[in-house]
Protein backbone atom coordinates (compact mmCIF):
# COMPACT_ATOMS: atom_id res chain seq x y z
CA MET A 1 -3.19 -23.09 3.08
CA THR A 2 0.31 -23.07 1.58
CA HIS A 3 2.42 -26.18 2.11
CA TYR A 4 6.09 -25.27 2.20
CA HIS A 5 8.55 -27.88 1.00
CA ALA A 6 11.92 -28.14 -0.68
CA PRO A 7 11.44 -27.53 -4.39
CA GLN A 8 11.51 -30.32 -6.91
CA SER A 9 14.09 -30.54 -9.68
CA ALA A 10 11.77 -29.25 -12.45
CA PRO A 11 11.09 -25.76 -11.02
CA ILE A 12 14.75 -25.46 -10.04
CA ALA A 13 15.80 -26.29 -13.60
CA ALA A 14 13.29 -23.77 -14.97
CA LEU A 15 14.67 -21.02 -12.72
CA LEU A 16 18.26 -21.78 -13.67
CA ALA A 17 17.33 -21.81 -17.35
CA HIS A 18 15.60 -18.45 -16.94
CA ALA A 19 18.68 -16.98 -15.24
CA ARG A 20 21.01 -18.41 -17.85
CA VAL A 21 20.99 -15.19 -19.86
CA VAL A 22 23.06 -13.68 -17.04
CA THR A 23 24.72 -16.69 -15.40
CA ALA A 24 26.27 -17.81 -18.71
CA VAL A 25 28.17 -14.52 -18.76
CA LEU A 26 29.23 -15.02 -15.15
CA ASP A 27 30.52 -18.48 -16.05
CA ASP A 28 32.50 -17.03 -18.93
CA LEU A 29 34.04 -14.55 -16.50
CA HIS A 30 34.90 -17.45 -14.14
CA LEU A 31 32.79 -15.98 -11.34
CA ALA A 32 31.17 -18.27 -8.80
CA TRP A 33 27.47 -17.54 -8.29
CA ARG A 34 24.15 -18.78 -6.84
CA VAL A 35 20.52 -17.69 -7.10
CA VAL A 36 19.33 -16.29 -3.77
CA GLY A 37 16.65 -14.11 -2.16
CA GLY A 38 13.12 -13.92 -3.45
CA ALA A 39 13.73 -16.20 -6.42
CA ALA A 40 14.90 -19.02 -4.15
CA ARG A 41 12.13 -18.38 -1.61
CA GLY A 42 9.59 -18.34 -4.42
CA LEU A 43 10.39 -21.96 -5.23
CA VAL A 44 9.39 -22.93 -1.70
CA CYS A 45 6.31 -20.69 -1.61
CA ALA A 46 5.11 -21.56 -5.12
CA GLU A 47 5.25 -17.96 -6.31
CA ALA A 48 7.05 -16.22 -9.12
CA ALA A 49 9.68 -13.67 -8.17
CA SER A 50 9.44 -10.21 -9.69
CA ASP A 51 13.21 -10.21 -10.15
CA VAL A 52 16.02 -12.75 -9.93
CA ASP A 53 18.69 -12.19 -7.27
CA ILE A 54 22.10 -13.59 -8.10
CA GLU A 55 24.91 -13.57 -5.57
CA VAL A 56 28.43 -13.47 -7.01
CA VAL A 57 31.65 -14.31 -5.16
CA ALA A 58 34.18 -11.51 -5.59
CA ASP A 59 36.27 -9.17 -3.48
CA THR A 60 34.26 -6.03 -4.27
CA THR A 61 31.21 -4.96 -6.23
CA THR A 62 33.48 -2.68 -8.26
CA ASP A 63 35.37 -5.68 -9.61
CA VAL A 64 32.17 -7.26 -10.92
CA TRP A 65 30.74 -3.98 -12.17
CA SER A 66 33.77 -3.23 -14.31
CA GLN A 67 33.41 -6.59 -16.06
CA LEU A 68 29.63 -6.56 -16.53
CA VAL A 69 29.10 -3.00 -17.70
CA ALA A 70 30.89 -3.65 -21.01
CA LEU A 71 28.66 -6.67 -21.64
CA PHE A 72 25.41 -5.13 -20.38
CA PRO A 73 25.43 -1.39 -21.16
CA GLN A 74 21.96 -1.10 -19.60
CA ALA A 75 23.29 -2.19 -16.21
CA LEU A 76 22.59 0.10 -13.25
CA HIS A 77 24.72 0.39 -10.14
CA ILE A 78 22.37 0.83 -7.18
CA ASP A 79 24.28 2.03 -4.14
CA THR A 80 22.03 1.20 -1.16
CA ASP A 81 22.87 -0.52 2.12
CA LYS A 82 24.09 -3.43 0.00
CA PRO A 83 25.22 -2.30 -3.47
CA VAL A 84 23.44 -4.07 -6.31
CA ILE A 85 24.04 -4.25 -10.04
CA ARG A 86 20.65 -4.22 -11.81
CA ILE A 87 20.26 -5.53 -15.34
CA ARG A 88 17.01 -5.54 -17.30
CA ILE A 89 16.73 -8.16 -20.03
CA ASN A 90 13.50 -9.01 -21.87
CA HIS A 91 11.32 -7.21 -19.29
CA GLN A 92 12.97 -9.08 -16.40
CA TRP A 93 15.20 -7.56 -13.73
CA PHE A 94 18.30 -9.39 -12.56
CA ASP A 95 19.88 -8.08 -9.36
CA ILE A 96 23.50 -9.02 -8.79
CA SER A 97 25.02 -8.64 -5.33
CA VAL A 98 28.55 -9.52 -4.26
CA THR A 99 29.89 -11.50 -1.32
CA PRO A 100 33.50 -12.34 -0.45
CA HIS A 101 32.40 -15.71 0.92
CA TYR A 102 32.60 -18.75 -1.32
CA ASP A 103 31.03 -20.78 1.48
CA MET A 104 27.29 -20.41 1.02
CA ARG A 105 26.51 -20.64 4.76
CA LEU A 106 28.91 -17.81 5.58
CA ALA A 107 27.43 -15.65 2.85
CA ALA A 108 23.87 -16.41 3.98
CA ALA A 109 24.74 -15.36 7.54
CA THR A 110 24.56 -11.72 6.42
CA ARG A 111 20.98 -12.06 5.14
CA ASP A 112 17.98 -10.86 7.11
CA PHE A 113 15.67 -13.86 7.66
CA THR A 114 16.05 -17.61 7.50
CA MET A 115 13.48 -17.82 4.70
CA ASN A 116 15.63 -15.42 2.66
CA ALA A 117 18.87 -17.31 3.32
CA MET A 118 18.04 -20.12 0.90
CA ALA A 119 19.81 -20.52 -2.42
CA VAL A 120 19.88 -22.46 -5.66
CA MET A 121 23.37 -23.59 -6.62
CA PRO A 122 24.58 -23.75 -10.23
CA ASP A 123 24.44 -27.57 -10.18
CA GLY A 124 20.74 -27.49 -9.18
CA ARG A 125 21.16 -28.21 -5.48
CA PHE A 126 18.80 -26.33 -3.16
CA ALA A 127 20.48 -24.99 -0.03
CA ASP A 128 18.64 -24.08 3.18
CA PRO A 129 21.44 -23.54 5.71
CA TYR A 130 19.33 -21.85 8.41
CA ASP A 131 16.16 -23.95 8.18
CA GLY A 132 14.03 -21.34 6.48
CA ILE A 133 11.56 -23.95 5.25
CA ALA A 134 11.00 -25.21 8.78
CA ASP A 135 10.33 -21.66 9.99
CA LEU A 136 7.83 -21.08 7.19
CA ARG A 137 6.05 -24.31 8.09
CA ALA A 138 5.91 -23.19 11.71
CA GLY A 139 4.54 -19.78 10.71
CA VAL A 140 7.58 -18.00 12.14
CA ILE A 141 9.81 -15.26 10.81
CA ARG A 142 13.29 -15.43 12.33
CA HIS A 143 16.42 -13.39 11.78
CA VAL A 144 19.64 -15.11 10.77
CA GLY A 145 22.29 -13.46 12.90
CA ALA A 146 23.68 -10.49 14.76
CA ALA A 147 23.93 -8.39 11.59
CA PHE A 148 20.14 -8.01 11.67
CA VAL A 149 20.29 -5.04 14.07
CA ASP A 150 22.59 -3.08 11.77
CA ASP A 151 19.72 -2.19 9.43
CA PRO A 152 16.46 -1.05 11.05
CA LEU A 153 14.66 -1.37 7.71
CA ARG A 154 14.60 -5.08 8.38
CA VAL A 155 11.81 -4.52 10.90
CA LEU A 156 9.65 -3.04 8.13
CA ARG A 157 10.69 -5.90 5.85
CA MET A 158 9.54 -8.24 8.59
CA MET A 159 6.19 -6.44 8.64
CA ARG A 160 5.91 -6.96 4.89
CA PHE A 161 6.85 -10.65 4.93
CA ALA A 162 4.59 -11.37 7.90
CA GLY A 163 1.75 -9.86 5.90
CA MET A 164 2.64 -11.91 2.84
CA TYR A 165 2.91 -15.27 4.62
CA ASP A 166 0.90 -14.78 7.84
CA LEU A 167 3.89 -15.14 10.14
CA GLN A 168 4.60 -14.39 13.78
CA VAL A 169 7.93 -13.10 15.05
CA ALA A 170 10.33 -15.47 16.80
CA PRO A 171 11.05 -14.31 20.39
CA ASP A 172 14.75 -13.71 19.78
CA THR A 173 13.91 -11.68 16.67
CA VAL A 174 11.55 -9.50 18.72
CA VAL A 175 14.51 -8.60 20.95
CA ALA A 176 16.70 -7.82 17.94
CA ALA A 177 13.98 -5.67 16.36
CA ARG A 178 13.64 -3.61 19.52
CA VAL A 179 17.38 -3.00 19.48
CA ALA A 180 17.22 -1.94 15.84
CA SER A 181 14.56 0.65 16.64
CA ALA A 182 17.24 2.95 18.06
CA HIS A 183 18.39 3.58 14.48
CA ALA A 184 14.97 3.98 12.85
CA SER A 185 15.58 7.68 12.20
CA ASP A 186 18.54 6.78 9.98
CA LEU A 187 16.31 5.24 7.31
CA THR A 188 15.94 7.06 4.01
CA PRO A 189 12.45 8.04 2.77
CA GLU A 190 12.71 5.84 -0.32
CA ARG A 191 13.42 2.69 1.68
CA VAL A 192 10.68 3.32 4.24
CA TRP A 193 8.05 4.04 1.61
CA GLY A 194 9.16 1.07 -0.44
CA GLU A 195 8.42 -1.36 2.39
CA TRP A 196 5.07 0.19 3.26
CA ALA A 197 4.04 0.12 -0.39
CA LEU A 198 4.97 -3.56 -0.66
CA TRP A 199 3.09 -4.34 2.56
CA ALA A 200 0.00 -2.66 1.11
CA THR A 201 0.16 -4.31 -2.30
CA ARG A 202 1.60 -7.78 -1.54
CA SER A 203 0.10 -8.80 1.81
CA HIS A 204 -2.46 -11.59 2.00
CA THR A 205 -2.88 -11.06 5.74
CA PRO A 206 -1.74 -7.46 6.30
CA GLY A 207 -3.04 -7.59 9.86
CA ALA A 208 -0.24 -10.04 10.67
CA GLY A 209 2.24 -7.48 9.37
CA LEU A 210 0.75 -4.80 11.60
CA ALA A 211 1.00 -7.17 14.56
CA VAL A 212 4.75 -7.26 13.98
CA LEU A 213 4.97 -3.52 14.61
CA ALA A 214 3.08 -3.86 17.89
CA THR A 215 5.04 -6.93 19.03
CA CYS A 216 8.37 -5.28 18.30
CA ASP A 217 7.39 -1.95 19.95
CA TRP A 218 7.63 -0.20 16.60
CA LEU A 219 4.29 1.54 16.94
CA THR A 220 6.26 4.22 18.79
CA GLN A 221 7.42 5.29 15.32
CA TYR A 222 3.77 5.91 14.40
CA PRO A 223 1.99 7.40 17.45
CA MET A 224 -1.38 7.69 15.69
CA LEU A 225 -1.34 3.91 15.19
CA ALA A 226 -0.18 3.34 18.78
CA ASP A 227 -3.21 5.29 20.01
CA LEU A 228 -5.52 2.71 18.39
CA VAL A 229 -4.28 0.00 20.75
CA GLY A 230 -6.72 -0.28 23.64
CA CYS A 231 -9.13 2.34 22.28
CA PRO A 232 -12.54 0.86 23.18
CA GLN A 233 -15.48 0.31 20.85
CA ASP A 234 -19.10 -0.49 21.56
CA PRO A 235 -19.27 -4.30 21.85
CA VAL A 236 -22.70 -4.35 20.21
CA TYR A 237 -21.28 -3.04 16.94
CA HIS A 238 -17.67 -4.12 17.44
CA PRO A 239 -17.50 -7.45 19.24
CA GLU A 240 -14.01 -8.00 17.83
CA GLY A 241 -12.43 -5.66 20.38
CA ASP A 242 -10.49 -2.41 20.32
CA VAL A 243 -9.84 -0.14 17.35
CA TRP A 244 -6.43 -1.69 16.67
CA THR A 245 -7.97 -5.15 16.38
CA HIS A 246 -10.73 -3.78 14.15
CA THR A 247 -8.20 -2.02 11.92
CA ARG A 248 -6.22 -5.23 11.40
CA HIS A 249 -9.43 -7.06 10.45
CA VAL A 250 -10.37 -4.30 8.01
CA CYS A 251 -6.97 -4.47 6.33
CA ASN A 252 -7.34 -8.25 6.01
CA ALA A 253 -10.76 -7.73 4.46
CA ILE A 254 -9.26 -5.34 1.90
CA ALA A 255 -6.66 -7.96 0.99
CA ARG A 256 -9.41 -10.53 0.40
CA SER A 257 -11.57 -8.25 -1.72
CA ALA A 258 -9.10 -6.17 -3.70
CA GLU A 259 -7.25 -8.83 -5.68
CA SER A 260 -8.65 -7.53 -8.98
CA LEU A 261 -7.41 -3.98 -8.37
CA THR A 262 -4.23 -2.57 -9.82
CA ASP A 263 -1.30 -2.19 -7.43
CA ASP A 264 -1.89 1.56 -7.35
CA GLU A 265 -5.56 1.14 -6.44
CA ARG A 266 -4.84 -1.53 -3.86
CA LEU A 267 -2.19 0.71 -2.31
CA VAL A 268 -4.74 3.49 -1.84
CA VAL A 269 -7.55 1.37 -0.37
CA MET A 270 -5.17 -0.52 1.95
CA LEU A 271 -3.73 2.68 3.38
CA ALA A 272 -7.23 4.13 3.68
CA ALA A 273 -8.27 1.01 5.59
CA LEU A 274 -5.27 1.40 7.88
CA CYS A 275 -6.04 5.07 8.52
CA HIS A 276 -9.84 5.03 8.49
CA ASP A 277 -10.34 5.12 12.27
CA LEU A 278 -7.36 7.21 13.33
CA GLY A 279 -9.82 9.80 14.63
CA LYS A 280 -11.46 7.46 17.14
CA PRO A 281 -9.02 7.87 20.06
CA ALA A 282 -9.66 11.63 20.10
CA THR A 283 -13.44 11.35 19.78
CA THR A 284 -14.40 8.22 21.72
CA THR A 285 -16.69 8.78 24.69
CA THR A 286 -19.51 7.07 26.55
CA LYS A 287 -23.04 8.33 26.03
CA ALA A 288 -26.09 6.66 27.59
CA ASP A 289 -23.99 3.57 28.38
CA ARG A 290 -22.87 3.29 24.75
CA ILE A 291 -19.37 3.89 23.40
CA VAL A 292 -19.52 6.39 20.54
CA SER A 293 -16.99 8.27 18.40
CA PRO A 294 -18.86 11.18 16.80
CA GLY A 295 -17.03 12.96 14.02
CA HIS A 296 -14.10 10.55 14.02
CA ALA A 297 -13.93 10.38 10.22
CA GLU A 298 -13.33 14.11 9.89
CA VAL A 299 -10.93 14.21 12.86
CA GLY A 300 -9.01 11.33 11.30
CA MET A 301 -8.21 13.19 8.08
CA PRO A 302 -5.29 15.31 9.40
CA LEU A 303 -4.03 12.31 11.38
CA ALA A 304 -4.04 10.25 8.19
CA ALA A 305 -2.06 13.03 6.52
CA GLN A 306 0.48 12.95 9.36
CA PHE A 307 0.85 9.19 9.12
CA LEU A 308 1.27 9.27 5.36
CA THR A 309 3.98 11.88 5.85
CA LEU A 310 5.76 9.64 8.36
CA ILE A 311 5.91 6.80 5.85
CA TYR A 312 6.90 9.19 3.03
CA ALA A 313 3.86 8.47 0.86
CA PRO A 314 3.88 10.57 -2.33
CA ALA A 315 1.41 13.41 -2.83
CA HIS A 316 -0.85 11.50 -5.22
CA VAL A 317 -1.41 8.89 -2.49
CA HIS A 318 -2.24 11.57 0.09
CA GLY A 319 -4.74 13.08 -2.33
CA ARG A 320 -6.79 9.88 -2.59
CA VAL A 321 -6.39 8.28 0.84
CA ILE A 322 -7.44 11.31 2.89
CA PRO A 323 -10.89 11.83 1.27
CA LEU A 324 -11.58 8.10 1.63
CA VAL A 325 -10.88 8.43 5.35
CA GLY A 326 -13.09 11.50 5.63
CA GLU A 327 -16.02 9.92 3.78
CA HIS A 328 -15.89 6.33 5.06
CA MET A 329 -18.83 6.87 7.43
CA VAL A 330 -21.15 8.22 4.73
CA ARG A 331 -24.27 6.09 4.47
CA LEU A 332 -26.82 7.14 1.86
CA GLY A 333 -29.42 4.46 2.55
CA ALA A 334 -31.02 1.78 0.43
CA THR A 335 -32.23 4.25 -2.21
CA PRO A 336 -29.65 7.02 -2.55
CA THR A 337 -30.54 10.08 -4.60
CA ASP A 338 -28.70 11.07 -7.75
CA ARG A 339 -27.73 14.31 -6.08
CA ALA A 340 -26.21 12.61 -3.03
CA VAL A 341 -24.16 10.24 -5.14
CA ARG A 342 -22.90 13.01 -7.40
CA ARG A 343 -21.95 15.07 -4.36
CA LEU A 344 -20.10 12.11 -2.85
CA ALA A 345 -18.15 11.55 -6.06
CA GLN A 346 -17.17 15.21 -6.11
CA ARG A 347 -16.04 15.19 -2.44
CA LEU A 348 -14.01 12.01 -2.92
CA HIS A 349 -12.07 13.27 -5.94
CA PRO A 350 -9.32 12.36 -6.80
CA ALA A 351 -10.39 9.11 -5.13
CA THR A 352 -13.49 7.44 -6.52
CA ILE A 353 -16.75 5.90 -5.38
CA ALA A 354 -15.44 2.54 -6.58
CA LEU A 355 -12.49 2.76 -4.17
CA TRP A 356 -14.76 4.13 -1.44
CA GLY A 357 -16.89 1.00 -1.83
CA TYR A 358 -13.93 -1.23 -1.02
CA VAL A 359 -13.16 0.71 2.16
CA VAL A 360 -16.78 0.83 3.36
CA SER A 361 -17.31 -2.86 2.66
CA ALA A 362 -14.07 -3.82 4.44
CA ASP A 363 -15.02 -1.64 7.41
CA SER A 364 -18.23 -3.65 7.72
CA ALA A 365 -16.43 -6.97 7.25
CA GLY A 366 -13.87 -6.15 9.93
CA ARG A 367 -16.17 -6.87 12.88
CA PRO A 368 -16.12 -10.65 13.40
CA PRO A 369 -18.18 -12.57 14.26
CA LEU A 370 -20.77 -10.13 12.88
CA PRO A 371 -21.62 -10.77 9.23
CA ALA A 372 -20.60 -8.16 6.70
CA ALA A 373 -23.31 -5.72 5.70
CA HIS A 374 -23.62 -4.37 2.18
CA GLU A 375 -24.05 -0.68 2.93
CA ALA A 376 -22.16 0.51 -0.14
CA ASP A 377 -24.01 -1.57 -2.73
CA ALA A 378 -26.82 0.86 -3.50
CA VAL A 379 -24.41 3.77 -3.86
CA LEU A 380 -22.12 1.76 -6.10
CA ALA A 381 -25.05 0.73 -8.31
CA MET A 382 -26.26 4.32 -8.61
CA ALA A 383 -22.75 5.58 -9.38
CA GLU A 384 -22.40 2.94 -12.10
CA GLN A 385 -25.73 4.01 -13.57
CA LEU A 386 -24.63 7.66 -13.56
CA GLY A 387 -21.24 6.79 -15.05
CA ILE A 388 -19.31 8.26 -12.11
CA HIS A 389 -18.18 5.15 -10.22
CA ASP A 390 -14.57 5.81 -11.26
CA ARG A 391 -14.56 9.60 -11.62
CA LYS A 392 -16.25 12.74 -10.40
CA PRO A 393 -18.97 14.24 -12.64
CA ALA A 394 -17.41 16.16 -15.51
CA ALA A 395 -18.42 19.82 -15.62
CA LEU A 396 -20.92 20.36 -18.43
CA VAL A 397 -20.64 24.15 -18.50
CA ARG A 398 -17.21 25.44 -19.51
CA GLY A 399 -15.50 28.82 -19.49
CA HIS A 400 -16.22 29.52 -23.14
CA ASP A 401 -19.96 29.03 -22.42
CA VAL A 402 -19.83 31.75 -19.77
CA LEU A 403 -17.92 34.08 -22.09
CA ALA A 404 -20.45 33.44 -24.85
CA CYS A 405 -23.20 34.63 -22.51
CA GLY A 406 -21.56 38.05 -22.18
CA ILE A 407 -19.61 37.69 -18.93
CA PRO A 408 -16.23 39.43 -19.40
CA ALA A 409 -12.98 37.59 -18.76
CA GLY A 410 -11.99 37.79 -15.11
CA PRO A 411 -13.02 36.49 -11.67
CA LEU A 412 -16.71 36.30 -12.60
CA ILE A 413 -15.96 33.43 -14.96
CA GLY A 414 -14.82 31.25 -12.06
CA VAL A 415 -17.78 32.30 -9.93
CA TRP A 416 -20.27 31.29 -12.59
CA LEU A 417 -18.47 28.02 -13.32
CA ARG A 418 -18.72 27.09 -9.64
CA LYS A 419 -22.39 28.08 -9.53
CA ALA A 420 -23.11 26.05 -12.65
CA TYR A 421 -21.25 23.00 -11.35
CA ASP A 422 -23.14 23.13 -8.04
CA ALA A 423 -26.40 23.34 -9.95
CA GLN A 424 -25.34 20.38 -12.09
CA LEU A 425 -24.55 18.28 -9.00
CA ASP A 426 -27.96 19.21 -7.59
CA GLY A 427 -29.60 17.90 -10.77
CA ALA A 428 -30.61 21.22 -12.34
CA PHE A 429 -29.40 19.96 -15.73
CA ALA A 430 -27.81 16.83 -17.17
CA THR A 431 -26.56 17.89 -20.63
CA HIS A 432 -24.35 20.63 -22.00
CA ALA A 433 -27.24 22.24 -23.89
CA ALA A 434 -29.39 22.28 -20.76
CA GLY A 435 -26.46 23.73 -18.82
CA VAL A 436 -26.18 26.62 -21.25
CA VAL A 437 -29.91 27.27 -20.94
CA TRP A 438 -29.58 27.24 -17.13
CA LEU A 439 -26.68 29.70 -17.38
CA GLN A 440 -28.64 32.09 -19.60
CA ARG A 441 -31.65 31.98 -17.28
CA ASN A 442 -29.62 32.69 -14.16
CA LEU A 443 -27.42 35.50 -15.41
CA GLY A 444 -29.81 37.93 -13.79
CA ASP A 445 -28.37 36.78 -10.46
CA GLU A 446 -24.89 38.00 -11.37
CA PRO A 447 -22.71 38.11 -8.21
CA THR A 448 -21.84 41.42 -6.65
CA ALA A 449 -18.30 42.66 -6.29
CA ASP A 450 -18.29 41.53 -2.64
CA VAL A 451 -19.19 37.98 -3.70
CA VAL A 452 -16.49 38.04 -6.34
CA ARG A 453 -13.86 39.13 -3.79
CA SER A 454 -14.94 36.36 -1.36
CA ASN A 455 -14.29 33.76 -4.06
CA GLU A 456 -10.95 35.06 -5.27
């Protein structure tokens, strides 16, 4: 459990020394400044910030930009809701924002949450004008002031921070978030996707972040998630409750198990965990006094695609999340066959059996108080043995092999490559040489013109 407290002088001094490469220039320009945002919060939460936010007192961003650009030619002017000057020095980003307020409390009043309204002053003092540390200790995320409702993205930021620090929303902030929802359609795709990506890759308790959306009535933005709330499950297999509760547990399980993954991999498995049961509301029924959801994995695939579109996920994320959703119910038993594992790897591509294992294991772990089963272990072991845990089987027979056997260039090449690959997956051969032999032996079954047309 994290203990939040005002930072000691040593970490403050280290942060100021780190920022000196930029703040020394600001001093030379006679600009007042303070370190704010994630860098200040990181001192309280004992975490390193990915960038250093520096707030400068000036009339306009343009005034500061004109002075800094000559000194830092690499500087970027990012024109978002709050313009930022970005400077990269020695692999570290420094973000410079501008406020007209010399008074730190007045400047902090425009920030989103109390935990983000803290600052480190040039003389080493730590300022917490809106009691952000107290809110963190209480497990609460609270907005600073009336400006919160002007930017609906702050609700998604709240989702992200709640997932990072396991926070609940203060009652007055719930009201403000519901007001902000009226402007949700004004958000740009880049900002929306940015917050969802950070939720997926930075959350320690992502289920707490999802709870924010429900509490603040923001599930209306994502109807396929809203449908999970109250969708029943069989209590024998799902004593934890409805599908929404299960989904939050599964996302938390992913966060616990996926720490060794890259951000890109964690992004995929977290979104797959979030989407894995989207097909249940449409398929759930009662049969012989049991609640069942036959075919929900397949039904969930287009719903996952719709959700990923709503959050503006890029195409390469769609391509891996959707097959993980469609295959998450596959169970190959304690002794899976080579063929079944190869076929699974091929169906999952461009996702992998390794990523599938995380989703399946988290699905099992997301049913407290039931213990987690280990249904993916045998498949993962077999995939490792076959060398396909992180890729689909590479085709052993290539186009030039088909040409060398006398098949003329044209549609028949593709037909025979597909036939050979299917045979390879079924275990007909395991080496290139054996694949060529198989091809030569089966050329007597050359497809007819009708078959060729059906495959074009």
